[in-house]
Amino acid sequence: MRVQVAIIGAGPSGLLLGQLLHKAGIDAVIVEQRSPDYVLGRIRAGIIEQITQDLLDEAGVGARMHKEGLVHHGIELCFKGARHRIDMTDLTGGKTVRVYGQTEITRDLMDARAAAGLKTVYEAAHVSLHDFDGHRPRVRYEKDGATHEIECDFIAGCDGYHGVSRASVPGSAIQTFERVYPFGWLGILSDTPPVSDELIYTHHERGFALCSMRSPTRSRHYVQVSLDEKVEDWSDDRFWDELRRRLDPEAAESLVTGPSIEKSIAPLRSFVAEPMRFGRLFLAGDAAHIVPPTGAKGLNLAASDVRYLSRALIEFYQDKTAAGIDHYSEKCLRRIWKAERFSWHMTSLLHHFPDNGSFGRKIQEAELDYLVGSRAASTALAENYVGLPFED
């Protein structure tokens, strides 16, 4: 098979890149090691910035998002038993975010790709990347007992933290930066109404908690737990009791409980790989960076990588210039490190760190008190939460 771009990974970043390239008349194939059902079964992010919404519109898959997604104008910070609202729209000149689950975005992109008759190879085994440091990169995989090879101009590695793309880069050519946090998030998905119209981020002596949602009838809640906890030790009743303890009295009283649809524990990590281009191989999304979910940046950072990469490839084919390709890594990393900083800051501000002691908790409370009482501090949080502008 011969294509212009081979995309590794059929998650939202790979599918979005494929759709944007298709709109520009660029031939691309997507190779995915998992099944479509497995890809759709990943329960991930639900907050999308304006730039992600704009990209989905540009890709022609934004209709259901606009119909079913929930526009949010603010968030609530809860500490010392009281909630304080951050009015993002007022503080950022009218910007908002939208609640629309990553699973739904993936489904919309899958449907659009199928409707256009575009090729996606699912359940591809033993995927390997070759010769991306030259002018004729190749992707090899096994499917249905046969070995297949794709010749291409470029390879886009959109296959996540554990994928083959970053692992194919020689260790001497890449540098990684990482912080692993000493706790995780125990999350539960339930068909219950949200506690509030907006997200509640809670700092509590028992640990962080987040009340979120996917729709007016489906909620997503999290509590901070230690890394040695096991999900099977957490019954639904135990989870709801623990969440209620960490909320303010009004939210605790209005919390509607119900059986879980999904329950899991996710560790928290900050991770960046530099650079993001290796000859004709580009990393995008979780293949290049991970952020703790506290800042709601994971999916949005992946979308921003895809924006830069799609435009660079379109410029290469349509305008015969490699400028976008040459500056891809530099542009992405400036934005990534700012999002890493914000996600680290929110995580440090809101979670209970075992080694911080009583002094550390008092500093967190003072910082939160200052944040909600200072328009300048609230503006900085709001600007980062809704998404910083691109540096085009």
Protein backbone atom coordinates (compact mmCIF):
# COMPACT_ATOMS: atom_id res chain seq x y z
CA MET A 1 0.00 0.00 0.00
CA ARG A 2 1.24 3.53 -0.79
CA VAL A 3 -0.19 6.60 0.99
CA GLN A 4 1.00 10.10 1.77
CA VAL A 5 0.59 9.84 5.56
CA ALA A 6 0.43 6.76 7.80
CA ILE A 7 -1.23 7.47 11.14
CA ILE A 8 -0.51 5.11 14.03
CA GLY A 9 -3.40 5.01 16.50
CA ALA A 10 -7.17 5.38 16.07
CA GLY A 11 -7.85 7.38 19.21
CA PRO A 12 -9.25 10.90 18.95
CA SER A 13 -5.92 12.48 17.92
CA GLY A 14 -5.28 10.00 15.11
CA LEU A 15 -8.87 10.09 13.89
CA LEU A 16 -9.00 13.90 14.00
CA LEU A 17 -5.75 14.18 12.08
CA GLY A 18 -7.04 11.73 9.49
CA GLN A 19 -10.26 13.68 9.07
CA LEU A 20 -8.49 17.04 8.68
CA LEU A 21 -6.09 15.60 6.12
CA HIS A 22 -8.98 14.00 4.22
CA LYS A 23 -10.72 17.39 4.05
CA ALA A 24 -7.54 18.80 2.49
CA GLY A 25 -7.31 16.00 -0.07
CA ILE A 26 -4.35 14.24 1.56
CA ASP A 27 -4.36 10.44 1.45
CA ALA A 28 -3.90 8.87 4.89
CA VAL A 29 -4.43 5.43 6.43
CA ILE A 30 -4.84 4.74 10.15
CA VAL A 31 -3.32 1.65 11.78
CA GLU A 32 -4.67 0.64 15.20
CA GLN A 33 -3.60 -2.33 17.32
CA ARG A 34 -6.93 -2.58 19.19
CA SER A 35 -10.50 -3.23 18.10
CA PRO A 36 -13.04 -0.42 17.53
CA ASP A 37 -14.99 -1.50 20.61
CA TYR A 38 -11.86 -1.33 22.76
CA VAL A 39 -11.07 2.17 21.49
CA LEU A 40 -14.62 3.33 22.22
CA GLY A 41 -14.53 1.72 25.65
CA ARG A 42 -11.85 4.07 26.98
CA ILE A 43 -13.47 6.39 29.55
CA ARG A 44 -11.47 9.60 29.40
CA ALA A 45 -11.75 13.38 29.26
CA GLY A 46 -14.98 15.34 29.12
CA ILE A 47 -13.95 19.04 29.06
CA ILE A 48 -13.05 20.49 25.67
CA GLU A 49 -11.66 23.93 24.98
CA GLN A 50 -12.80 26.27 22.23
CA ILE A 51 -9.82 25.32 20.05
CA THR A 52 -10.86 21.66 20.17
CA GLN A 53 -14.44 22.59 19.33
CA ASP A 54 -13.21 24.67 16.39
CA LEU A 55 -11.11 21.78 15.09
CA LEU A 56 -14.04 19.37 15.30
CA ASP A 57 -16.13 21.88 13.34
CA GLU A 58 -13.33 22.24 10.78
CA ALA A 59 -13.25 18.45 10.46
CA GLY A 60 -17.02 18.42 9.85
CA VAL A 61 -17.89 16.39 12.95
CA GLY A 62 -19.11 19.08 15.36
CA ALA A 63 -22.89 18.85 14.84
CA ARG A 64 -23.68 16.39 17.65
CA MET A 65 -21.24 18.15 19.98
CA HIS A 66 -23.15 21.41 19.53
CA LYS A 67 -26.47 19.66 19.99
CA GLU A 68 -25.65 17.51 23.02
CA GLY A 69 -22.60 19.11 24.63
CA LEU A 70 -23.02 21.31 27.70
CA VAL A 71 -21.55 24.82 27.57
CA HIS A 72 -19.89 25.82 30.86
CA HIS A 73 -19.13 29.40 31.84
CA GLY A 74 -17.38 28.72 35.14
CA ILE A 75 -16.12 26.23 37.70
CA GLU A 76 -16.45 26.03 41.48
CA LEU A 77 -13.58 25.65 43.93
CA CYS A 78 -14.53 24.16 47.30
CA PHE A 79 -12.31 24.40 50.39
CA LYS A 80 -12.90 24.74 54.11
CA GLY A 81 -16.49 23.62 53.54
CA ALA A 82 -17.52 26.43 51.18
CA ARG A 83 -17.74 26.82 47.39
CA HIS A 84 -16.38 29.75 45.39
CA ARG A 85 -17.25 30.30 41.72
CA ILE A 86 -14.68 31.26 39.07
CA ASP A 87 -16.58 33.02 36.28
CA MET A 88 -14.46 32.04 33.29
CA THR A 89 -16.60 33.82 30.72
CA ASP A 90 -16.41 37.14 32.54
CA LEU A 91 -12.69 36.82 33.24
CA THR A 92 -11.67 35.81 29.70
CA GLY A 93 -13.78 38.12 27.57
CA GLY A 94 -16.52 35.63 26.78
CA LYS A 95 -14.71 32.28 26.45
CA THR A 96 -16.29 29.00 27.55
CA VAL A 97 -15.56 25.28 27.64
CA ARG A 98 -17.91 22.46 26.68
CA VAL A 99 -18.65 19.15 28.38
CA TYR A 100 -18.64 16.42 25.73
CA GLY A 101 -17.05 13.05 26.43
CA GLN A 102 -13.98 11.79 24.59
CA THR A 103 -15.90 8.60 23.79
CA GLU A 104 -18.50 10.66 21.92
CA ILE A 105 -15.82 12.56 19.99
CA THR A 106 -14.20 9.27 19.02
CA ARG A 107 -17.54 7.87 17.88
CA ASP A 108 -18.28 10.97 15.78
CA LEU A 109 -14.88 10.74 14.10
CA MET A 110 -15.24 6.99 13.51
CA ASP A 111 -18.65 7.51 11.91
CA ALA A 112 -17.34 10.28 9.66
CA ARG A 113 -14.38 8.15 8.57
CA ALA A 114 -16.63 5.19 7.79
CA ALA A 115 -19.08 7.42 5.88
CA ALA A 116 -16.23 8.75 3.72
CA GLY A 117 -14.98 5.22 3.00
CA LEU A 118 -11.55 5.92 4.48
CA LYS A 119 -9.29 3.04 5.42
CA THR A 120 -8.63 2.17 9.06
CA VAL A 121 -6.84 -1.06 9.91
CA TYR A 122 -7.99 -2.30 13.32
CA GLU A 123 -6.44 -5.17 15.28
CA ALA A 124 -3.12 -4.77 13.51
CA ALA A 125 -0.51 -6.92 15.28
CA HIS A 126 3.24 -6.39 15.62
CA VAL A 127 3.19 -2.85 14.21
CA SER A 128 6.70 -1.57 13.45
CA LEU A 129 8.07 1.66 11.95
CA HIS A 130 11.00 1.71 9.55
CA ASP A 131 13.26 4.21 7.75
CA PHE A 132 11.60 7.34 9.10
CA ASP A 133 15.01 8.97 9.23
CA GLY A 134 15.14 8.83 5.42
CA HIS A 135 12.80 9.77 2.57
CA ARG A 136 10.78 6.55 2.29
CA PRO A 137 9.27 5.62 5.68
CA ARG A 138 7.44 2.33 6.01
CA VAL A 139 4.95 0.85 8.48
CA ARG A 140 4.76 -2.93 8.80
CA TYR A 141 2.05 -4.92 10.58
CA GLU A 142 0.41 -8.34 10.67
CA LYS A 143 -3.28 -8.89 9.99
CA ASP A 144 -5.26 -12.07 9.30
CA GLY A 145 -2.10 -14.17 9.27
CA ALA A 146 -0.31 -12.04 6.67
CA THR A 147 2.37 -9.35 6.85
CA HIS A 148 1.47 -5.99 5.30
CA GLU A 149 3.59 -2.95 4.55
CA ILE A 150 2.64 0.69 4.02
CA GLU A 151 4.96 3.02 2.13
CA CYS A 152 4.40 6.69 2.95
CA ASP A 153 5.89 10.18 3.00
CA PHE A 154 5.31 10.75 6.72
CA ILE A 155 4.32 8.82 9.84
CA ALA A 156 2.17 10.41 12.57
CA GLY A 157 2.57 8.66 15.92
CA CYS A 158 -0.79 9.13 17.67
CA ASP A 159 -0.75 5.83 19.54
CA GLY A 160 -0.48 6.96 23.15
CA TYR A 161 1.97 6.67 26.01
CA HIS A 162 2.51 2.91 25.60
CA GLY A 163 2.48 2.91 21.80
CA VAL A 164 5.13 1.80 19.32
CA SER A 165 5.82 5.26 17.87
CA ARG A 166 7.85 6.81 20.68
CA ALA A 167 9.38 3.42 21.48
CA SER A 168 10.74 3.29 17.90
CA VAL A 169 12.90 6.38 18.44
CA PRO A 170 16.51 5.67 19.48
CA GLY A 171 17.07 6.57 23.11
CA SER A 172 19.92 8.88 22.21
CA ALA A 173 17.58 11.03 20.08
CA ILE A 174 14.90 11.72 22.67
CA GLN A 175 14.77 13.20 26.17
CA THR A 176 11.95 12.59 28.63
CA PHE A 177 10.79 14.53 31.68
CA GLU A 178 8.48 12.92 34.21
CA ARG A 179 6.86 13.33 37.59
CA VAL A 180 4.76 10.54 39.10
CA TYR A 181 2.36 11.70 41.81
CA PRO A 182 1.93 9.71 45.06
CA PHE A 183 -1.81 9.14 44.56
CA GLY A 184 -4.46 8.30 42.00
CA TRP A 185 -8.05 9.13 41.10
CA LEU A 186 -10.80 6.63 41.83
CA GLY A 187 -13.50 7.48 39.31
CA ILE A 188 -17.10 6.38 38.97
CA LEU A 189 -19.55 6.85 36.08
CA SER A 190 -23.25 6.68 36.95
CA ASP A 191 -26.62 7.47 35.44
CA THR A 192 -27.39 10.10 38.07
CA PRO A 193 -27.95 13.86 37.71
CA PRO A 194 -24.93 16.11 38.37
CA VAL A 195 -24.53 17.67 41.80
CA SER A 196 -24.16 21.11 40.25
CA ASP A 197 -24.55 22.78 36.87
CA GLU A 198 -20.77 23.31 36.84
CA LEU A 199 -17.77 21.24 37.93
CA ILE A 200 -16.84 21.29 41.63
CA TYR A 201 -13.13 20.96 42.44
CA THR A 202 -12.71 20.18 46.15
CA HIS A 203 -9.68 20.53 48.41
CA HIS A 204 -10.26 18.57 51.62
CA GLU A 205 -8.14 17.17 54.42
CA ARG A 206 -9.28 13.67 53.40
CA GLY A 207 -8.12 14.33 49.84
CA PHE A 208 -9.19 15.87 46.55
CA ALA A 209 -12.62 15.28 45.01
CA LEU A 210 -14.18 16.29 41.70
CA CYS A 211 -17.84 16.34 40.75
CA SER A 212 -18.19 16.34 36.98
CA MET A 213 -20.70 15.17 34.39
CA ARG A 214 -21.15 13.85 30.88
CA SER A 215 -24.76 14.93 30.39
CA PRO A 216 -27.72 16.21 32.42
CA THR A 217 -28.41 12.60 33.43
CA ARG A 218 -24.92 11.07 33.62
CA SER A 219 -22.30 12.00 36.23
CA ARG A 220 -18.58 11.41 36.54
CA HIS A 221 -17.10 11.74 40.03
CA TYR A 222 -13.60 11.23 41.42
CA VAL A 223 -11.90 10.97 44.81
CA GLN A 224 -8.18 10.97 45.52
CA VAL A 225 -6.88 7.62 46.78
CA SER A 226 -3.48 6.17 47.62
CA LEU A 227 -1.66 4.16 44.98
CA ASP A 228 -2.00 0.92 46.93
CA GLU A 229 -5.82 1.00 46.80
CA LYS A 230 -7.60 -1.60 44.68
CA VAL A 231 -10.80 -0.81 42.82
CA GLU A 232 -12.43 -4.08 43.90
CA ASP A 233 -12.20 -2.90 47.52
CA TRP A 234 -14.44 0.05 46.74
CA SER A 235 -18.13 -0.77 46.68
CA ASP A 236 -20.47 1.85 45.26
CA ASP A 237 -21.72 2.66 48.76
CA ARG A 238 -18.18 3.18 50.04
CA PHE A 239 -17.40 5.52 47.16
CA TRP A 240 -20.54 7.62 47.61
CA ASP A 241 -19.96 7.89 51.37
CA GLU A 242 -16.37 9.05 50.85
CA LEU A 243 -17.35 11.59 48.19
CA ARG A 244 -20.09 12.99 50.41
CA ARG A 245 -17.60 13.49 53.27
CA ARG A 246 -15.40 15.69 51.07
CA LEU A 247 -18.13 17.96 49.72
CA ASP A 248 -19.62 21.11 51.21
CA PRO A 249 -22.90 20.58 53.12
CA GLU A 250 -25.14 21.79 50.29
CA ALA A 251 -23.51 19.58 47.67
CA ALA A 252 -23.42 16.60 50.03
CA GLU A 253 -27.13 17.00 50.69
CA SER A 254 -28.04 17.24 46.99
CA LEU A 255 -25.79 14.37 45.84
CA VAL A 256 -27.86 11.70 44.06
CA THR A 257 -26.30 8.24 44.19
CA GLY A 258 -26.81 5.16 42.06
CA PRO A 259 -25.13 2.04 40.70
CA SER A 260 -21.86 2.56 38.86
CA ILE A 261 -21.58 1.97 35.12
CA GLU A 262 -17.78 2.06 35.24
CA LYS A 263 -15.29 2.31 38.08
CA SER A 264 -11.52 2.55 37.85
CA ILE A 265 -8.39 3.96 39.49
CA ALA A 266 -6.05 6.09 37.39
CA PRO A 267 -2.55 7.06 38.55
CA LEU A 268 -1.46 10.66 37.96
CA ARG A 269 1.63 11.53 35.97
CA SER A 270 3.27 14.51 34.27
CA PHE A 271 5.35 13.50 31.26
CA VAL A 272 6.93 15.20 28.24
CA ALA A 273 9.14 13.80 25.47
CA GLU A 274 11.37 16.12 23.46
CA PRO A 275 11.60 16.64 20.55
CA MET A 276 8.38 15.57 18.80
CA ARG A 277 9.82 15.19 15.29
CA PHE A 278 12.35 12.58 14.17
CA GLY A 279 12.95 12.89 10.45
CA ARG A 280 9.62 11.98 8.92
CA LEU A 281 8.07 10.66 12.15
CA PHE A 282 5.99 13.02 14.29
CA LEU A 283 4.66 12.33 17.78
CA ALA A 284 1.28 13.77 18.80
CA GLY A 285 -0.96 13.51 21.83
CA ASP A 286 -0.22 11.04 24.63
CA ALA A 287 2.68 9.60 22.65
CA ALA A 288 4.56 12.81 23.49
CA HIS A 289 3.02 14.08 26.72
CA ILE A 290 0.79 13.21 29.67
CA VAL A 291 -0.79 15.69 32.08
CA PRO A 292 -2.62 14.99 35.33
CA PRO A 293 -6.35 15.42 34.62
CA THR A 294 -6.78 18.19 37.20
CA GLY A 295 -6.26 20.87 34.56
CA ALA A 296 -8.56 19.28 31.93
CA LYS A 297 -5.80 19.51 29.32
CA GLY A 298 -5.07 15.98 28.01
CA LEU A 299 -7.45 15.79 25.05
CA ASN A 300 -7.09 19.50 24.34
CA LEU A 301 -3.30 19.27 24.14
CA ALA A 302 -3.64 16.36 21.72
CA ALA A 303 -5.99 18.48 19.60
CA SER A 304 -3.50 21.35 19.60
CA ASP A 305 -0.74 18.98 18.37
CA VAL A 306 -3.08 17.81 15.62
CA ARG A 307 -3.83 21.40 14.64
CA TYR A 308 -0.14 22.20 14.22
CA LEU A 309 0.63 18.91 12.46
CA SER A 310 -2.32 18.99 10.06
CA ARG A 311 -1.50 22.54 9.01
CA ALA A 312 2.18 21.66 8.56
CA LEU A 313 1.36 18.69 6.32
CA ILE A 314 -1.23 20.65 4.34
CA GLU A 315 1.34 23.43 3.77
CA PHE A 316 3.88 20.82 2.64
CA TYR A 317 1.59 19.34 0.00
CA GLN A 318 -0.33 22.44 -1.10
CA ASP A 319 2.24 25.23 -0.72
CA LYS A 320 5.39 23.15 -1.19
CA THR A 321 6.96 24.48 2.03
CA ALA A 322 8.46 22.56 4.93
CA ALA A 323 8.37 25.51 7.35
CA GLY A 324 5.47 24.11 9.39
CA ILE A 325 7.11 20.70 9.59
CA ASP A 326 10.44 22.19 10.64
CA HIS A 327 8.83 24.20 13.47
CA TYR A 328 6.25 21.61 14.54
CA SER A 329 8.08 20.34 17.62
CA GLU A 330 9.10 23.80 18.84
CA LYS A 331 5.58 25.23 18.54
CA CYS A 332 3.94 22.24 20.20
CA LEU A 333 6.37 22.11 23.10
CA ARG A 334 5.92 25.77 24.04
CA ARG A 335 2.21 25.16 24.42
CA ILE A 336 2.68 21.77 26.07
CA TRP A 337 4.95 23.08 28.83
CA LYS A 338 2.48 25.85 29.67
CA ALA A 339 -0.29 23.25 29.98
CA GLU A 340 2.01 21.02 32.03
CA ARG A 341 2.67 23.95 34.37
CA PHE A 342 -1.03 24.66 34.79
CA SER A 343 -1.94 21.01 35.35
CA TRP A 344 0.90 20.62 37.88
CA HIS A 345 -0.23 23.81 39.64
CA MET A 346 -3.87 22.68 39.91
CA THR A 347 -2.77 19.25 41.13
CA SER A 348 -0.42 20.73 43.72
CA LEU A 349 -3.06 23.19 44.88
CA LEU A 350 -5.97 20.80 45.36
CA HIS A 351 -4.60 17.42 46.44
CA HIS A 352 -3.50 16.11 49.80
CA PHE A 353 0.24 15.34 49.67
CA PRO A 354 1.24 12.94 52.47
CA ASP A 355 4.62 14.60 53.03
CA ASN A 356 3.37 18.20 53.15
CA GLY A 357 2.03 18.02 56.69
CA SER A 358 -0.12 20.64 58.40
CA PHE A 359 2.06 23.52 57.18
CA GLY A 360 1.59 22.44 53.56
CA ARG A 361 -2.18 22.22 53.97
CA LYS A 362 -2.29 25.74 55.44
CA ILE A 363 -0.28 27.05 52.48
CA GLN A 364 -2.74 25.40 50.07
CA GLU A 365 -5.68 27.00 51.90
CA ALA A 366 -3.98 30.40 51.82
CA GLU A 367 -3.32 30.04 48.09
CA LEU A 368 -6.93 29.07 47.44
CA ASP A 369 -8.18 31.96 49.58
CA TYR A 370 -5.97 34.36 47.63
CA LEU A 371 -7.04 32.87 44.29
CA VAL A 372 -10.77 33.30 44.83
CA GLY A 373 -10.31 36.77 46.35
CA SER A 374 -8.04 38.22 43.68
CA ARG A 375 -9.42 39.03 40.23
CA ALA A 376 -5.91 38.86 38.80
CA ALA A 377 -5.31 35.37 40.22
CA SER A 378 -8.78 34.20 39.15
CA THR A 379 -8.15 35.56 35.65
CA ALA A 380 -4.89 33.63 35.35
CA LEU A 381 -6.67 30.41 36.31
CA ALA A 382 -9.57 31.11 33.94
CA GLU A 383 -7.29 31.96 31.00
CA ASN A 384 -5.42 28.69 31.38
CA TYR A 385 -8.56 26.62 31.96
CA VAL A 386 -10.36 27.78 28.81
CA GLY A 387 -7.15 27.41 26.77
CA LEU A 388 -4.31 29.72 25.90
CA PRO A 389 -4.21 31.21 22.39
CA PHE A 390 -2.09 29.70 19.64
CA GLU A 391 1.22 31.30 18.70
CA ASP A 392 0.66 31.34 14.94
